[in-house]
N, C-alpha and C. Protein backbone atom coordinates (compact mmCIF):
# COMPACT_ATOMS: atom_id res chain seq x y z
N MET A 1 4.08 1.49 12.88
CA MET A 1 4.77 0.70 14.58
C MET A 1 3.93 0.93 15.33
N ARG A 2 4.18 0.08 17.15
CA ARG A 2 2.98 -0.11 18.26
C ARG A 2 3.97 0.43 18.58
N ILE A 3 3.19 0.74 20.23
CA ILE A 3 3.73 0.97 21.28
C ILE A 3 2.65 0.32 22.33
N VAL A 4 3.67 -0.67 22.64
CA VAL A 4 3.86 -1.30 24.22
C VAL A 4 3.94 -0.95 25.56
N LEU A 5 3.28 -1.10 26.52
CA LEU A 5 2.76 -0.75 27.80
C LEU A 5 3.84 -1.87 28.97
N ARG A 6 4.78 -2.01 29.07
CA ARG A 6 5.04 -3.31 29.97
C ARG A 6 4.61 -2.31 32.08
N ALA A 7 4.67 -3.68 32.33
CA ALA A 7 4.28 -2.75 34.47
C ALA A 7 5.75 -2.89 34.39
N ASN A 8 6.69 -2.51 35.05
CA ASN A 8 7.93 -2.27 35.81
C ASN A 8 8.21 -2.18 37.02
N ALA A 9 8.11 -3.18 38.75
CA ALA A 9 7.80 -2.22 39.75
C ALA A 9 6.73 -1.58 40.15
N GLY A 10 5.62 -1.25 39.61
CA GLY A 10 4.70 -0.25 39.75
C GLY A 10 5.01 0.10 39.02
N LYS A 11 5.99 0.91 37.43
CA LYS A 11 5.89 2.16 36.55
C LYS A 11 5.68 1.11 35.65
N ASN A 12 5.01 2.12 34.56
CA ASN A 12 4.19 1.54 33.13
C ASN A 12 5.90 2.50 32.31
N ILE A 13 6.47 1.63 32.13
CA ILE A 13 7.00 2.04 30.55
C ILE A 13 6.82 1.92 29.14
N MET A 14 7.35 2.65 28.52
CA MET A 14 6.46 2.95 27.47
C MET A 14 7.92 2.53 26.33
N GLN A 15 7.84 1.32 25.52
CA GLN A 15 8.39 0.64 24.51
C GLN A 15 8.09 0.61 23.30
N THR A 16 8.89 1.11 22.05
CA THR A 16 8.12 0.53 20.47
C THR A 16 8.34 -0.66 20.23
N ALA A 17 7.41 -1.30 19.97
CA ALA A 17 7.95 -2.78 19.24
C ALA A 17 7.96 -3.07 17.78
N SER A 18 9.21 -3.57 17.62
CA SER A 18 9.53 -3.84 16.46
C SER A 18 8.95 -4.89 15.39
N ALA A 19 8.82 -3.75 14.39
CA ALA A 19 7.86 -4.36 12.70
C ALA A 19 8.68 -5.75 12.42
N TYR A 20 9.99 -5.47 12.74
CA TYR A 20 10.63 -7.38 12.10
C TYR A 20 9.72 -8.33 12.46
N ASN A 21 9.02 -9.20 11.59
CA ASN A 21 9.13 -10.33 11.93
C ASN A 21 10.10 -11.58 11.26
N PRO A 22 10.24 -11.98 11.58
CA PRO A 22 11.16 -13.57 11.43
C PRO A 22 10.90 -14.76 10.82
N ILE A 23 8.71 -14.02 10.58
CA ILE A 23 8.55 -15.74 10.54
C ILE A 23 7.92 -15.23 8.78
N ARG A 24 8.53 -16.02 7.93
CA ARG A 24 8.59 -15.50 6.27
C ARG A 24 7.18 -16.80 6.30
N ILE A 25 6.54 -16.32 5.85
CA ILE A 25 5.07 -17.39 5.44
C ILE A 25 5.48 -17.94 3.84
N ARG A 26 5.18 -18.42 3.00
CA ARG A 26 5.36 -19.23 1.80
C ARG A 26 4.60 -19.34 1.44
N ASN A 27 4.49 -19.91 0.28
CA ASN A 27 3.90 -19.90 -0.50
C ASN A 27 3.84 -20.98 -2.03
N VAL A 28 4.45 -21.69 -1.01
CA VAL A 28 4.68 -23.18 -1.57
C VAL A 28 4.61 -23.30 -2.89
N PRO A 29 2.94 -23.39 -3.16
CA PRO A 29 2.55 -23.99 -5.00
C PRO A 29 3.46 -23.20 -6.34
N GLN A 30 3.27 -21.49 -5.40
CA GLN A 30 4.10 -21.32 -6.21
C GLN A 30 6.06 -20.45 -6.43
N GLU A 31 6.72 -21.72 -5.66
CA GLU A 31 7.81 -21.30 -5.86
C GLU A 31 7.81 -22.72 -6.37
N MET A 32 7.21 -24.33 -6.75
CA MET A 32 6.98 -25.16 -7.32
C MET A 32 6.97 -24.68 -8.29
N ALA A 33 6.42 -23.59 -9.39
CA ALA A 33 5.10 -23.25 -10.24
C ALA A 33 6.88 -22.47 -10.59
N GLU A 34 7.40 -21.83 -9.89
CA GLU A 34 8.51 -20.44 -10.90
C GLU A 34 9.99 -21.72 -11.09
N LEU A 35 9.59 -22.74 -10.07
CA LEU A 35 11.22 -23.57 -10.59
C LEU A 35 10.73 -24.01 -11.46
N ALA A 36 9.68 -24.30 -12.49
CA ALA A 36 8.98 -25.50 -12.72
C ALA A 36 8.98 -24.44 -14.91
N ARG A 37 8.96 -23.27 -14.10
CA ARG A 37 8.77 -22.45 -15.72
C ARG A 37 10.70 -22.37 -15.84
N GLU A 38 10.86 -22.09 -14.55
CA GLU A 38 12.55 -21.28 -15.42
C GLU A 38 13.04 -22.75 -15.69
N ARG A 39 12.50 -24.45 -15.22
CA ARG A 39 13.37 -25.29 -15.78
C ARG A 39 13.17 -25.99 -16.64
N GLY A 40 11.80 -25.84 -17.08
CA GLY A 40 11.13 -26.82 -17.46
C GLY A 40 10.67 -28.37 -17.28
N GLY A 41 10.17 -27.96 -15.68
CA GLY A 41 9.57 -28.80 -15.88
C GLY A 41 10.23 -29.52 -14.58
N MET A 42 9.85 -30.71 -13.68
CA MET A 42 10.71 -30.68 -12.01
C MET A 42 9.90 -31.57 -11.89
N THR A 43 10.54 -33.27 -11.60
CA THR A 43 10.79 -34.48 -10.74
C THR A 43 9.78 -34.39 -9.80
N GLU A 44 9.63 -34.97 -8.45
CA GLU A 44 9.83 -35.60 -7.22
C GLU A 44 10.99 -35.12 -6.63
N ALA A 45 12.58 -35.75 -7.63
CA ALA A 45 13.46 -36.20 -7.49
C ALA A 45 14.68 -34.82 -7.06
N ASP A 46 13.36 -34.36 -8.44
CA ASP A 46 14.37 -32.73 -8.11
C ASP A 46 13.57 -31.77 -7.11
N LEU A 47 12.52 -32.00 -6.89
CA LEU A 47 11.98 -31.08 -5.72
C LEU A 47 12.50 -31.04 -4.65
N LYS A 48 12.81 -32.48 -4.09
CA LYS A 48 13.65 -32.71 -3.43
C LYS A 48 14.66 -32.47 -2.92
N ALA A 49 15.71 -32.42 -4.09
CA ALA A 49 16.67 -31.95 -3.80
C ALA A 49 17.22 -30.34 -3.96
N GLU A 50 15.00 -29.52 -3.64
CA GLU A 50 15.44 -27.80 -4.20
C GLU A 50 15.18 -27.64 -2.65
N GLY A 51 15.01 -29.41 -2.05
CA GLY A 51 14.08 -28.42 -0.68
C GLY A 51 12.71 -28.69 0.00
N PHE A 52 12.24 -29.26 -1.41
CA PHE A 52 10.87 -29.58 -0.50
C PHE A 52 10.67 -31.18 0.19
N THR A 53 10.21 -30.71 1.08
CA THR A 53 9.25 -32.21 1.72
C THR A 53 8.73 -33.66 0.81
N LYS A 54 9.02 -34.11 0.41
CA LYS A 54 7.50 -35.32 0.35
C LYS A 54 6.24 -34.56 0.77
N ASP A 55 5.39 -34.33 1.78
CA ASP A 55 4.97 -33.64 1.78
C ASP A 55 4.22 -32.92 1.29
N GLU A 56 5.04 -31.73 1.24
CA GLU A 56 4.98 -30.33 0.58
C GLU A 56 4.56 -30.36 -1.02
N ILE A 57 5.44 -31.71 -1.24
CA ILE A 57 5.28 -32.54 -3.11
C ILE A 57 3.50 -32.57 -3.01
N ALA A 58 4.01 -33.97 -2.16
CA ALA A 58 2.08 -34.65 -2.56
C ALA A 58 0.97 -33.68 -1.89
N LYS A 59 1.56 -32.17 -1.60
CA LYS A 59 0.20 -31.27 -0.70
C LYS A 59 -0.19 -30.03 -1.70
N HIS A 60 1.24 -29.22 -2.63
CA HIS A 60 0.92 -28.68 -3.35
C HIS A 60 1.47 -28.99 -4.94
N ALA A 61 1.28 -29.77 -5.59
CA ALA A 61 2.00 -30.10 -6.57
C ALA A 61 1.35 -30.08 -7.41
N PRO A 62 -0.46 -30.18 -7.30
CA PRO A 62 -0.86 -30.32 -8.51
C PRO A 62 -2.10 -28.78 -8.08
N LYS A 63 -1.66 -27.94 -7.61
CA LYS A 63 -1.97 -26.60 -7.10
C LYS A 63 -0.38 -25.88 -8.15
N ALA A 64 0.00 -26.44 -7.63
CA ALA A 64 1.59 -25.44 -8.76
C ALA A 64 1.81 -26.24 -10.33
N ALA A 65 1.24 -27.41 -10.15
CA ALA A 65 -0.08 -27.94 -11.64
C ALA A 65 -0.79 -26.90 -12.00
N GLU A 66 -1.53 -26.85 -11.86
CA GLU A 66 -2.99 -25.79 -12.31
C GLU A 66 -2.81 -23.91 -12.36
N MET A 67 -1.19 -23.98 -11.79
CA MET A 67 -1.11 -22.24 -12.36
C MET A 67 0.06 -22.27 -12.82
N LEU A 68 0.61 -23.31 -13.11
CA LEU A 68 0.99 -23.50 -14.48
C LEU A 68 0.63 -23.82 -15.58
N ARG A 69 -0.25 -24.17 -15.57
CA ARG A 69 -1.93 -24.85 -16.79
C ARG A 69 -2.53 -23.07 -17.26
N ALA A 70 -2.56 -22.27 -16.05
CA ALA A 70 -3.93 -21.12 -15.89
C ALA A 70 -2.38 -20.44 -16.66
N ALA A 71 -0.72 -19.79 -16.23
CA ALA A 71 0.10 -19.38 -16.61
C ALA A 71 -0.38 -19.46 -18.26
N GLU A 72 -0.04 -21.24 -18.71
CA GLU A 72 1.14 -21.14 -20.50
C GLU A 72 -0.63 -20.61 -21.33
N THR A 73 -1.98 -20.41 -20.94
CA THR A 73 -3.32 -20.63 -21.06
C THR A 73 -3.57 -18.73 -21.44
N ALA A 74 -2.92 -18.06 -19.99
CA ALA A 74 -3.01 -17.01 -20.33
C ALA A 74 -1.68 -16.34 -21.90
N ARG A 75 -0.46 -17.07 -21.72
CA ARG A 75 -0.20 -16.98 -22.50
C ARG A 75 0.00 -17.13 -23.59
N ALA A 76 -0.45 -17.67 -24.09
CA ALA A 76 -1.48 -18.14 -25.01
C ALA A 76 -2.10 -17.91 -26.07
N ALA A 77 -3.36 -16.63 -25.40
CA ALA A 77 -4.09 -15.79 -25.20
C ALA A 77 -4.06 -14.65 -26.25
């Protein structure tokens, strides 16, 4: 918890700042890899149906595939 001092008409008022952060950082390649693991593979149309944009697919699909291969290799070993 952090304390924030605010000036209010010449007076300092102490308030506690909330730890809640509404911004969620996504790990898109991890999400794609998990979906592919659950469903046995995903096409671009499948990923779009799951809510991924075309740009996200183009950017993150190679990393997701790499993650899947690494998981398969680790499981086989």
